[in-house]
């Protein structure tokens, strides 16, 4: 966060701390106060390159007549993760979490 933002942010943080009696971690928020509720449907561990076409599409990667969702997912994955040593070709273990959003 830049210095220019801090002069505007500080009054809001101070007001929030005063109103709430101090900062409280979100894990202590009551369920009624959450904006969304997620129901966890599946949790599994797999190698990155085992991603299915359906899972790649669920991640937001489109497929078409000349490209696949998995092909697009390779680029999506590498953009934030390659610099950290978790490139697609390293094929790291990943957690796969499937969920449903309740409103």
PDB file of N, CA and C in Angstrom:
ATOM      1  N   UNK A   1       0.858  -1.171   0.000  1.00  0.00           N
ATOM      2  CA  UNK A   1       0.000   0.000   0.000  1.00  0.00           C
ATOM      3  C   UNK A   1       0.894   1.221   0.000  1.00  0.00           C
ATOM      4  N   UNK A   2       0.610   2.154  -0.868  1.00  0.00           N
ATOM      5  CA  UNK A   2       1.413   3.362  -0.987  1.00  0.00           C
ATOM      6  C   UNK A   2       1.150   4.345   0.134  1.00  0.00           C
ATOM      7  N   UNK A   3       2.080   5.275   0.289  1.00  0.00           N
ATOM      8  CA  UNK A   3       1.948   6.284   1.337  1.00  0.00           C
ATOM      9  C   UNK A   3       0.713   7.141   1.130  1.00  0.00           C
ATOM     10  N   UNK A   4       0.355   7.390  -0.134  1.00  0.00           N
ATOM     11  CA  UNK A   4      -0.804   8.245  -0.388  1.00  0.00           C
ATOM     12  C   UNK A   4      -2.093   7.604   0.113  1.00  0.00           C
ATOM     13  N   UNK A   5      -2.172   6.281   0.088  1.00  0.00           N
ATOM     14  CA  UNK A   5      -3.368   5.601   0.576  1.00  0.00           C
ATOM     15  C   UNK A   5      -3.440   5.577   2.096  1.00  0.00           C
ATOM     16  N   UNK A   6      -2.279   5.561   2.762  1.00  0.00           N
ATOM     17  CA  UNK A   6      -2.280   5.410   4.213  1.00  0.00           C
ATOM     18  C   UNK A   6      -2.911   6.602   4.923  1.00  0.00           C
ATOM     19  N   UNK A   7      -2.764   7.819   4.382  1.00  0.00           N
ATOM     20  CA  UNK A   7      -3.349   8.972   5.061  1.00  0.00           C
ATOM     21  C   UNK A   7      -4.871   8.943   4.998  1.00  0.00           C
ATOM     22  N   UNK A   8      -5.428   8.295   3.975  1.00  0.00           N
ATOM     23  CA  UNK A   8      -6.880   8.174   3.886  1.00  0.00           C
ATOM     24  C   UNK A   8      -7.386   6.949   4.635  1.00  0.00           C
ATOM     25  N   UNK A   9      -6.574   5.914   4.693  1.00  0.00           N
ATOM     26  CA  UNK A   9      -6.990   4.657   5.318  1.00  0.00           C
ATOM     27  C   UNK A   9      -6.975   4.751   6.845  1.00  0.00           C
ATOM     28  N   UNK A  10      -6.024   5.463   7.393  1.00  0.00           N
ATOM     29  CA  UNK A  10      -5.861   5.512   8.843  1.00  0.00           C
ATOM     30  C   UNK A  10      -7.131   5.943   9.585  1.00  0.00           C
ATOM     31  N   UNK A  11      -7.824   7.012   9.175  1.00  0.00           N
ATOM     32  CA  UNK A  11      -9.034   7.403   9.913  1.00  0.00           C
ATOM     33  C   UNK A  11     -10.095   6.304   9.915  1.00  0.00           C
ATOM     34  N   UNK A  12     -10.207   5.573   8.799  1.00  0.00           N
ATOM     35  CA  UNK A  12     -11.190   4.494   8.745  1.00  0.00           C
ATOM     36  C   UNK A  12     -10.809   3.357   9.681  1.00  0.00           C
ATOM     37  N   UNK A  13      -9.529   3.033   9.740  1.00  0.00           N
ATOM     38  CA  UNK A  13      -9.083   1.979  10.647  1.00  0.00           C
ATOM     39  C   UNK A  13      -9.306   2.383  12.096  1.00  0.00           C
ATOM     40  N   UNK A  14      -9.007   3.642  12.404  1.00  0.00           N
ATOM     41  CA  UNK A  14      -9.207   4.119  13.771  1.00  0.00           C
ATOM     42  C   UNK A  14     -10.683   4.118  14.136  1.00  0.00           C
ATOM     43  N   UNK A  15     -11.549   4.540  13.221  1.00  0.00           N
ATOM     44  CA  UNK A  15     -12.984   4.532  13.473  1.00  0.00           C
ATOM     45  C   UNK A  15     -13.480   3.103  13.659  1.00  0.00           C
ATOM     46  N   UNK A  16     -13.025   2.190  12.793  1.00  0.00           N
ATOM     47  CA  UNK A  16     -13.432   0.792  12.894  1.00  0.00           C
ATOM     48  C   UNK A  16     -12.992   0.202  14.231  1.00  0.00           C
ATOM     49  N   UNK A  17     -11.769   0.487  14.659  1.00  0.00           N
ATOM     50  CA  UNK A  17     -11.276  -0.036  15.931  1.00  0.00           C
ATOM     51  C   UNK A  17     -12.087   0.519  17.092  1.00  0.00           C
ATOM     52  N   UNK A  18     -12.461   1.790  16.993  1.00  0.00           N
ATOM     53  CA  UNK A  18     -13.244   2.405  18.065  1.00  0.00           C
ATOM     54  C   UNK A  18     -14.643   1.789  18.131  1.00  0.00           C
ATOM     55  N   UNK A  19     -15.265   1.617  16.979  1.00  0.00           N
ATOM     56  CA  UNK A  19     -16.618   1.064  16.933  1.00  0.00           C
ATOM     57  C   UNK A  19     -16.659  -0.399  17.360  1.00  0.00           C
ATOM     58  N   UNK A  20     -15.647  -1.175  16.969  1.00  0.00           N
ATOM     59  CA  UNK A  20     -15.674  -2.609  17.242  1.00  0.00           C
ATOM     60  C   UNK A  20     -14.988  -2.978  18.545  1.00  0.00           C
ATOM     61  N   UNK A  21     -14.343  -2.026  19.179  1.00  0.00           N
ATOM     62  CA  UNK A  21     -13.608  -2.336  20.399  1.00  0.00           C
ATOM     63  C   UNK A  21     -12.254  -2.953  20.098  1.00  0.00           C
ATOM     64  N   UNK A  22     -11.777  -2.849  18.878  1.00  0.00           N
ATOM     65  CA  UNK A  22     -10.503  -3.428  18.462  1.00  0.00           C
ATOM     66  C   UNK A  22     -10.709  -4.375  17.303  1.00  0.00           C
ATOM     67  N   UNK A  23      -9.614  -4.748  16.676  1.00  0.00           N
ATOM     68  CA  UNK A  23      -9.692  -5.636  15.528  1.00  0.00           C
ATOM     69  C   UNK A  23      -9.977  -7.049  15.991  1.00  0.00           C
ATOM     70  N   UNK A  24     -10.852  -7.739  15.277  1.00  0.00           N
ATOM     71  CA  UNK A  24     -11.190  -9.122  15.577  1.00  0.00           C
ATOM     72  C   UNK A  24     -11.016  -9.947  14.309  1.00  0.00           C
ATOM     73  N   UNK A  25     -10.324 -11.075  14.379  1.00  0.00           N
ATOM     74  CA  UNK A  25     -10.161 -11.909  13.188  1.00  0.00           C
ATOM     75  C   UNK A  25     -11.510 -12.382  12.649  1.00  0.00           C
ATOM     76  N   UNK A  26     -11.598 -12.525  11.335  1.00  0.00           N
ATOM     77  CA  UNK A  26     -12.863 -12.903  10.700  1.00  0.00           C
ATOM     78  C   UNK A  26     -13.330 -14.298  11.088  1.00  0.00           C
ATOM     79  N   UNK A  27     -12.442 -15.161  11.563  1.00  0.00           N
ATOM     80  CA  UNK A  27     -12.882 -16.502  11.960  1.00  0.00           C
ATOM     81  C   UNK A  27     -13.814 -16.455  13.162  1.00  0.00           C
ATOM     82  N   UNK A  28     -13.834 -15.328  13.864  1.00  0.00           N
ATOM     83  CA  UNK A  28     -14.720 -15.180  15.023  1.00  0.00           C
ATOM     84  C   UNK A  28     -16.044 -14.514  14.664  1.00  0.00           C
ATOM     85  N   UNK A  29     -16.247 -14.234  13.379  1.00  0.00           N
ATOM     86  CA  UNK A  29     -17.479 -13.595  12.941  1.00  0.00           C
ATOM     87  C   UNK A  29     -18.628 -14.598  13.028  1.00  0.00           C
ATOM     88  N   UNK A  30     -19.784 -14.172  13.519  1.00  0.00           N
ATOM     89  CA  UNK A  30     -20.925 -15.092  13.559  1.00  0.00           C
ATOM     90  C   UNK A  30     -21.405 -15.411  12.143  1.00  0.00           C
ATOM     91  N   UNK A  31     -21.988 -16.584  11.957  1.00  0.00           N
ATOM     92  CA  UNK A  31     -22.449 -17.007  10.630  1.00  0.00           C
ATOM     93  C   UNK A  31     -23.400 -15.990  10.011  1.00  0.00           C
ATOM     94  N   UNK A  32     -24.282 -15.381  10.809  1.00  0.00           N
ATOM     95  CA  UNK A  32     -25.237 -14.422  10.253  1.00  0.00           C
ATOM     96  C   UNK A  32     -24.535 -13.209   9.654  1.00  0.00           C
ATOM     97  N   UNK A  33     -23.305 -12.964  10.044  1.00  0.00           N
ATOM     98  CA  UNK A  33     -22.575 -11.808   9.544  1.00  0.00           C
ATOM     99  C   UNK A  33     -21.798 -12.071   8.259  1.00  0.00           C
ATOM    100  N   UNK A  34     -21.785 -13.312   7.790  1.00  0.00           N
ATOM    101  CA  UNK A  34     -21.017 -13.600   6.570  1.00  0.00           C
ATOM    102  C   UNK A  34     -21.805 -13.192   5.329  1.00  0.00           C
ATOM    103  N   UNK A  35     -21.094 -12.797   4.294  1.00  0.00           N
ATOM    104  CA  UNK A  35     -21.741 -12.386   3.049  1.00  0.00           C
ATOM    105  C   UNK A  35     -22.121 -13.577   2.187  1.00  0.00           C
ATOM    106  N   UNK A  36     -21.347 -14.650   2.276  1.00  0.00           N
ATOM    107  CA  UNK A  36     -21.669 -15.853   1.514  1.00  0.00           C
ATOM    108  C   UNK A  36     -21.449 -17.075   2.398  1.00  0.00           C
ATOM    109  N   UNK A  37     -22.116 -18.149   2.044  1.00  0.00           N
ATOM    110  CA  UNK A  37     -21.909 -19.428   2.713  1.00  0.00           C
ATOM    111  C   UNK A  37     -21.547 -20.442   1.641  1.00  0.00           C
ATOM    112  N   UNK A  38     -20.455 -21.155   1.859  1.00  0.00           N
ATOM    113  CA  UNK A  38     -20.019 -22.175   0.921  1.00  0.00           C
ATOM    114  C   UNK A  38     -20.193 -23.545   1.559  1.00  0.00           C
ATOM    115  N   UNK A  39     -20.747 -24.467   0.803  1.00  0.00           N
ATOM    116  CA  UNK A  39     -20.851 -25.857   1.234  1.00  0.00           C
ATOM    117  C   UNK A  39     -19.737 -26.622   0.520  1.00  0.00           C
ATOM    118  N   UNK A  40     -18.834 -27.202   1.288  1.00  0.00           N
ATOM    119  CA  UNK A  40     -17.735 -27.960   0.698  1.00  0.00           C
ATOM    120  C   UNK A  40     -18.270 -29.317   0.264  1.00  0.00           C
ATOM    121  N   UNK A  41     -18.100 -29.638  -1.013  1.00  0.00           N
ATOM    122  CA  UNK A  41     -18.628 -30.875  -1.579  1.00  0.00           C
ATOM    123  C   UNK A  41     -17.565 -31.958  -1.718  1.00  0.00           C
ATOM    124  N   UNK A  42     -16.341 -31.559  -2.040  1.00  0.00           N
ATOM    125  CA  UNK A  42     -15.269 -32.530  -2.244  1.00  0.00           C
ATOM    126  C   UNK A  42     -13.929 -31.882  -1.924  1.00  0.00           C
ATOM    127  N   UNK A  43     -13.051 -32.666  -1.317  1.00  0.00           N
ATOM    128  CA  UNK A  43     -11.674 -32.236  -1.075  1.00  0.00           C
ATOM    129  C   UNK A  43     -10.785 -33.409  -1.468  1.00  0.00           C
ATOM    130  N   UNK A  44      -9.819 -33.132  -2.336  1.00  0.00           N
ATOM    131  CA  UNK A  44      -8.900 -34.194  -2.741  1.00  0.00           C
ATOM    132  C   UNK A  44      -7.545 -33.580  -3.079  1.00  0.00           C
ATOM    133  N   UNK A  45      -6.544 -34.426  -3.134  1.00  0.00           N
ATOM    134  CA  UNK A  45      -5.197 -34.012  -3.520  1.00  0.00           C
ATOM    135  C   UNK A  45      -4.871 -34.716  -4.829  1.00  0.00           C
ATOM    136  N   UNK A  46      -4.305 -33.956  -5.761  1.00  0.00           N
ATOM    137  CA  UNK A  46      -3.906 -34.556  -7.030  1.00  0.00           C
ATOM    138  C   UNK A  46      -2.733 -33.790  -7.606  1.00  0.00           C
ATOM    139  N   UNK A  47      -2.094 -34.379  -8.591  1.00  0.00           N
ATOM    140  CA  UNK A  47      -1.036 -33.688  -9.312  1.00  0.00           C
ATOM    141  C   UNK A  47      -1.679 -32.656 -10.228  1.00  0.00           C
ATOM    142  N   UNK A  48      -1.034 -31.529 -10.362  1.00  0.00           N
ATOM    143  CA  UNK A  48      -1.567 -30.420 -11.151  1.00  0.00           C
ATOM    144  C   UNK A  48      -1.976 -30.851 -12.556  1.00  0.00           C
ATOM    145  N   UNK A  49      -1.149 -31.638 -13.213  1.00  0.00           N
ATOM    146  CA  UNK A  49      -1.420 -32.015 -14.597  1.00  0.00           C
ATOM    147  C   UNK A  49      -2.544 -33.040 -14.733  1.00  0.00           C
ATOM    148  N   UNK A  50      -3.122 -33.487 -13.629  1.00  0.00           N
ATOM    149  CA  UNK A  50      -4.267 -34.398 -13.672  1.00  0.00           C
ATOM    150  C   UNK A  50      -5.594 -33.648 -13.805  1.00  0.00           C
ATOM    151  N   UNK A  51      -5.553 -32.325 -13.911  1.00  0.00           N
ATOM    152  CA  UNK A  51      -6.790 -31.549 -13.997  1.00  0.00           C
ATOM    153  C   UNK A  51      -7.621 -32.012 -15.198  1.00  0.00           C
ATOM    154  N   UNK A  52      -8.908 -32.161 -14.975  1.00  0.00           N
ATOM    155  CA  UNK A  52      -9.805 -32.575 -16.060  1.00  0.00           C
ATOM    156  C   UNK A  52     -10.236 -31.348 -16.866  1.00  0.00           C
ATOM    157  N   UNK A  53     -10.736 -31.603 -18.045  1.00  0.00           N
ATOM    158  CA  UNK A  53     -11.253 -30.516 -18.883  1.00  0.00           C
ATOM    159  C   UNK A  53     -12.395 -29.797 -18.159  1.00  0.00           C
ATOM    160  N   UNK A  54     -13.261 -30.570 -17.493  1.00  0.00           N
ATOM    161  CA  UNK A  54     -14.386 -29.970 -16.759  1.00  0.00           C
ATOM    162  C   UNK A  54     -13.889 -29.082 -15.623  1.00  0.00           C
ATOM    163  N   UNK A  55     -12.846 -29.529 -14.910  1.00  0.00           N
ATOM    164  CA  UNK A  55     -12.298 -28.711 -13.823  1.00  0.00           C
ATOM    165  C   UNK A  55     -11.637 -27.447 -14.365  1.00  0.00           C
ATOM    166  N   UNK A  56     -10.954 -27.547 -15.497  1.00  0.00           N
ATOM    167  CA  UNK A  56     -10.326 -26.360 -16.099  1.00  0.00           C
ATOM    168  C   UNK A  56     -11.388 -25.345 -16.505  1.00  0.00           C
ATOM    169  N   UNK A  57     -12.481 -25.828 -17.061  1.00  0.00           N
ATOM    170  CA  UNK A  57     -13.578 -24.931 -17.441  1.00  0.00           C
ATOM    171  C   UNK A  57     -14.201 -24.309 -16.200  1.00  0.00           C
ATOM    172  N   UNK A  58     -14.337 -25.103 -15.117  1.00  0.00           N
ATOM    173  CA  UNK A  58     -14.874 -24.570 -13.858  1.00  0.00           C
ATOM    174  C   UNK A  58     -13.963 -23.491 -13.275  1.00  0.00           C
ATOM    175  N   UNK A  59     -12.671 -23.545 -13.593  1.00  0.00           N
ATOM    176  CA  UNK A  59     -11.719 -22.519 -13.152  1.00  0.00           C
ATOM    177  C   UNK A  59     -11.806 -21.261 -14.009  1.00  0.00           C
ATOM    178  N   UNK A  60     -12.642 -21.286 -15.047  1.00  0.00           N
ATOM    179  CA  UNK A  60     -12.826 -20.106 -15.887  1.00  0.00           C
ATOM    180  C   UNK A  60     -12.075 -20.148 -17.202  1.00  0.00           C
ATOM    181  N   UNK A  61     -11.495 -21.287 -17.539  1.00  0.00           N
ATOM    182  CA  UNK A  61     -10.738 -21.419 -18.788  1.00  0.00           C
ATOM    183  C   UNK A  61     -11.650 -21.945 -19.883  1.00  0.00           C
ATOM    184  N   UNK A  62     -11.831 -21.153 -20.916  1.00  0.00           N
ATOM    185  CA  UNK A  62     -12.713 -21.531 -22.021  1.00  0.00           C
ATOM    186  C   UNK A  62     -12.041 -22.549 -22.932  1.00  0.00           C
ATOM    187  N   UNK A  63     -12.876 -23.315 -23.609  1.00  0.00           N
ATOM    188  CA  UNK A  63     -12.375 -24.213 -24.648  1.00  0.00           C
ATOM    189  C   UNK A  63     -13.066 -23.839 -25.950  1.00  0.00           C
ATOM    190  N   UNK A  64     -12.491 -24.256 -27.051  1.00  0.00           N
ATOM    191  CA  UNK A  64     -13.064 -23.946 -28.353  1.00  0.00           C
ATOM    192  C   UNK A  64     -12.616 -24.966 -29.376  1.00  0.00           C
ATOM    193  N   UNK A  65     -12.894 -24.708 -30.646  1.00  0.00           N
ATOM    194  CA  UNK A  65     -12.549 -25.686 -31.675  1.00  0.00           C
ATOM    195  C   UNK A  65     -11.045 -25.909 -31.838  1.00  0.00           C
ATOM    196  N   UNK A  66     -10.233 -24.917 -31.503  1.00  0.00           N
ATOM    197  CA  UNK A  66      -8.781 -25.053 -31.698  1.00  0.00           C
ATOM    198  C   UNK A  66      -7.982 -24.996 -30.405  1.00  0.00           C
ATOM    199  N   UNK A  67      -8.649 -24.949 -29.258  1.00  0.00           N
ATOM    200  CA  UNK A  67      -7.938 -24.909 -27.979  1.00  0.00           C
ATOM    201  C   UNK A  67      -8.795 -25.563 -26.904  1.00  0.00           C
ATOM    202  N   UNK A  68      -8.141 -26.013 -25.848  1.00  0.00           N
ATOM    203  CA  UNK A  68      -8.850 -26.689 -24.755  1.00  0.00           C
ATOM    204  C   UNK A  68      -8.815 -25.840 -23.495  1.00  0.00           C
ATOM    205  N   UNK A  69      -9.708 -26.140 -22.589  1.00  0.00           N
ATOM    206  CA  UNK A  69      -9.686 -25.484 -21.286  1.00  0.00           C
ATOM    207  C   UNK A  69      -8.396 -25.798 -20.552  1.00  0.00           C
ATOM    208  N   UNK A  70      -7.924 -27.051 -20.664  1.00  0.00           N
ATOM    209  CA  UNK A  70      -6.671 -27.431 -20.001  1.00  0.00           C
ATOM    210  C   UNK A  70      -5.491 -26.653 -20.570  1.00  0.00           C
ATOM    211  N   UNK A  71      -5.482 -26.453 -21.882  1.00  0.00           N
ATOM    212  CA  UNK A  71      -4.411 -25.668 -22.499  1.00  0.00           C
ATOM    213  C   UNK A  71      -4.402 -24.241 -21.988  1.00  0.00           C
ATOM    214  N   UNK A  72      -5.563 -23.658 -21.831  1.00  0.00           N
ATOM    215  CA  UNK A  72      -5.652 -22.310 -21.268  1.00  0.00           C
ATOM    216  C   UNK A  72      -5.262 -22.301 -19.799  1.00  0.00           C
ATOM    217  N   UNK A  73      -5.567 -23.381 -19.092  1.00  0.00           N
ATOM    218  CA  UNK A  73      -5.252 -23.441 -17.660  1.00  0.00           C
ATOM    219  C   UNK A  73      -3.746 -23.442 -17.421  1.00  0.00           C
ATOM    220  N   UNK A  74      -2.983 -24.034 -18.322  1.00  0.00           N
ATOM    221  CA  UNK A  74      -1.520 -24.023 -18.189  1.00  0.00           C
ATOM    222  C   UNK A  74      -1.028 -22.583 -18.084  1.00  0.00           C
ATOM    223  N   UNK A  75      -1.491 -21.727 -18.980  1.00  0.00           N
ATOM    224  CA  UNK A  75      -1.076 -20.309 -18.954  1.00  0.00           C
ATOM    225  C   UNK A  75      -1.597 -19.602 -17.706  1.00  0.00           C
ATOM    226  N   UNK A  76      -2.845 -19.896 -17.341  1.00  0.00           N
ATOM    227  CA  UNK A  76      -3.418 -19.287 -16.140  1.00  0.00           C
ATOM    228  C   UNK A  76      -2.611 -19.680 -14.905  1.00  0.00           C
ATOM    229  N   UNK A  77      -2.242 -20.947 -14.801  1.00  0.00           N
ATOM    230  CA  UNK A  77      -1.487 -21.438 -13.648  1.00  0.00           C
ATOM    231  C   UNK A  77      -0.100 -20.802 -13.590  1.00  0.00           C
ATOM    232  N   UNK A  78       0.600 -20.811 -14.715  1.00  0.00           N
ATOM    233  CA  UNK A  78       1.982 -20.326 -14.721  1.00  0.00           C
ATOM    234  C   UNK A  78       2.100 -18.833 -14.458  1.00  0.00           C
ATOM    235  N   UNK A  79       1.076 -18.046 -14.785  1.00  0.00           N
ATOM    236  CA  UNK A  79       1.208 -16.592 -14.625  1.00  0.00           C
ATOM    237  C   UNK A  79       1.538 -16.184 -13.189  1.00  0.00           C
ATOM    238  N   UNK A  80       0.880 -16.696 -12.139  1.00  0.00           N
ATOM    239  CA  UNK A  80       1.296 -16.298 -10.797  1.00  0.00           C
ATOM    240  C   UNK A  80       2.244 -17.289 -10.123  1.00  0.00           C
ATOM    241  N   UNK A  81       2.327 -18.521 -10.610  1.00  0.00           N
ATOM    242  CA  UNK A  81       3.032 -19.568  -9.869  1.00  0.00           C
ATOM    243  C   UNK A  81       4.421 -19.912 -10.378  1.00  0.00           C
ATOM    244  N   UNK A  82       4.736 -19.639 -11.627  1.00  0.00           N
ATOM    245  CA  UNK A  82       6.035 -20.018 -12.188  1.00  0.00           C
ATOM    246  C   UNK A  82       7.187 -19.345 -11.447  1.00  0.00           C
ATOM    247  N   UNK A  83       7.037 -18.074 -11.124  1.00  0.00           N
ATOM    248  CA  UNK A  83       8.107 -17.336 -10.445  1.00  0.00           C
ATOM    249  C   UNK A  83       8.372 -17.878  -9.042  1.00  0.00           C
ATOM    250  N   UNK A  84       7.388 -18.564  -8.459  1.00  0.00           N
ATOM    251  CA  UNK A  84       7.552 -19.124  -7.112  1.00  0.00           C
ATOM    252  C   UNK A  84       8.093 -20.556  -7.142  1.00  0.00           C
ATOM    253  N   UNK A  85       8.398 -21.059  -8.349  1.00  0.00           N
ATOM    254  CA  UNK A  85       8.956 -22.400  -8.470  1.00  0.00           C
ATOM    255  C   UNK A  85       7.925 -23.499  -8.637  1.00  0.00           C
ATOM    256  N   UNK A  86       6.680 -23.134  -8.927  1.00  0.00           N
ATOM    257  CA  UNK A  86       5.618 -24.127  -9.091  1.00  0.00           C
ATOM    258  C   UNK A  86       5.068 -24.104 -10.514  1.00  0.00           C
ATOM    259  N   UNK A  87       5.971 -24.116 -11.498  1.00  0.00           N
ATOM    260  CA  UNK A  87       5.547 -24.113 -12.901  1.00  0.00           C
ATOM    261  C   UNK A  87       4.719 -25.348 -13.217  1.00  0.00           C
ATOM    262  N   UNK A  88       3.942 -25.259 -14.284  1.00  0.00           N
ATOM    263  CA  UNK A  88       3.115 -26.377 -14.749  1.00  0.00           C
ATOM    264  C   UNK A  88       3.964 -27.635 -14.947  1.00  0.00           C
ATOM    265  N   UNK A  89       5.143 -27.487 -15.570  1.00  0.00           N
ATOM    266  CA  UNK A  89       5.955 -28.665 -15.881  1.00  0.00           C
ATOM    267  C   UNK A  89       6.577 -29.318 -14.651  1.00  0.00           C
ATOM    268  N   UNK A  90       6.574 -28.642 -13.510  1.00  0.00           N
ATOM    269  CA  UNK A  90       7.037 -29.249 -12.256  1.00  0.00           C
ATOM    270  C   UNK A  90       5.987 -30.238 -11.740  1.00  0.00           C
ATOM    271  N   UNK A  91       4.730 -30.010 -12.110  1.00  0.00           N
ATOM    272  CA  UNK A  91       3.603 -30.878 -11.752  1.00  0.00           C
ATOM    273  C   UNK A  91       3.468 -31.055 -10.233  1.00  0.00           C
ATOM    274  N   UNK A  92       3.312 -29.953  -9.489  1.00  0.00           N
ATOM    275  CA  UNK A  92       3.219 -30.068  -8.030  1.00  0.00           C
ATOM    276  C   UNK A  92       1.899 -30.697  -7.586  1.00  0.00           C
ATOM    277  N   UNK A  93       1.894 -31.163  -6.348  1.00  0.00           N
ATOM    278  CA  UNK A  93       0.658 -31.631  -5.726  1.00  0.00           C
ATOM    279  C   UNK A  93      -0.183 -30.408  -5.391  1.00  0.00           C
ATOM    280  N   UNK A  94      -1.484 -30.502  -5.619  1.00  0.00           N
ATOM    281  CA  UNK A  94      -2.397 -29.393  -5.334  1.00  0.00           C
ATOM    282  C   UNK A  94      -3.632 -29.914  -4.610  1.00  0.00           C
ATOM    283  N   UNK A  95      -4.248 -29.059  -3.831  1.00  0.00           N
ATOM    284  CA  UNK A  95      -5.532 -29.359  -3.200  1.00  0.00           C
ATOM    285  C   UNK A  95      -6.636 -28.951  -4.157  1.00  0.00           C
ATOM    286  N   UNK A  96      -7.592 -29.822  -4.343  1.00  0.00           N
ATOM    287  CA  UNK A  96      -8.765 -29.531  -5.163  1.00  0.00           C
ATOM    288  C   UNK A  96      -9.953 -29.466  -4.217  1.00  0.00           C
ATOM    289  N   UNK A  97     -10.633 -28.340  -4.197  1.00  0.00           N
ATOM    290  CA  UNK A  97     -11.776 -28.153  -3.304  1.00  0.00           C
ATOM    291  C   UNK A  97     -12.974 -27.766  -4.150  1.00  0.00           C
ATOM    292  N   UNK A  98     -13.983 -28.620  -4.124  1.00  0.00           N
ATOM    293  CA  UNK A  98     -15.223 -28.329  -4.836  1.00  0.00           C
ATOM    294  C   UNK A  98     -16.256 -27.823  -3.847  1.00  0.00           C
ATOM    295  N   UNK A  99     -16.987 -26.805  -4.231  1.00  0.00           N
ATOM    296  CA  UNK A  99     -17.961 -26.229  -3.303  1.00  0.00           C
ATOM    297  C   UNK A  99     -19.172 -25.706  -4.047  1.00  0.00           C
ATOM    298  N   UNK A 100     -20.225 -25.467  -3.285  1.00  0.00           N
ATOM    299  CA  UNK A 100     -21.453 -24.857  -3.807  1.00  0.00           C
ATOM    300  C   UNK A 100     -21.718 -23.607  -2.979  1.00  0.00           C
ATOM    301  N   UNK A 101     -22.092 -22.541  -3.650  1.00  0.00           N
ATOM    302  CA  UNK A 101     -22.401 -21.283  -2.967  1.00  0.00           C
ATOM    303  C   UNK A 101     -23.884 -21.243  -2.619  1.00  0.00           C
ATOM    304  N   UNK A 102     -24.172 -20.929  -1.366  1.00  0.00           N
ATOM    305  CA  UNK A 102     -25.552 -20.750  -0.914  1.00  0.00           C
ATOM    306  C   UNK A 102     -25.784 -19.264  -0.685  1.00  0.00           C
ATOM    307  N   UNK A 103     -26.942 -18.776  -1.112  1.00  0.00           N
ATOM    308  CA  UNK A 103     -27.236 -17.350  -0.916  1.00  0.00           C
ATOM    309  C   UNK A 103     -28.318 -17.163   0.119  1.00  0.00           C
TER     310      UNK A 103
END
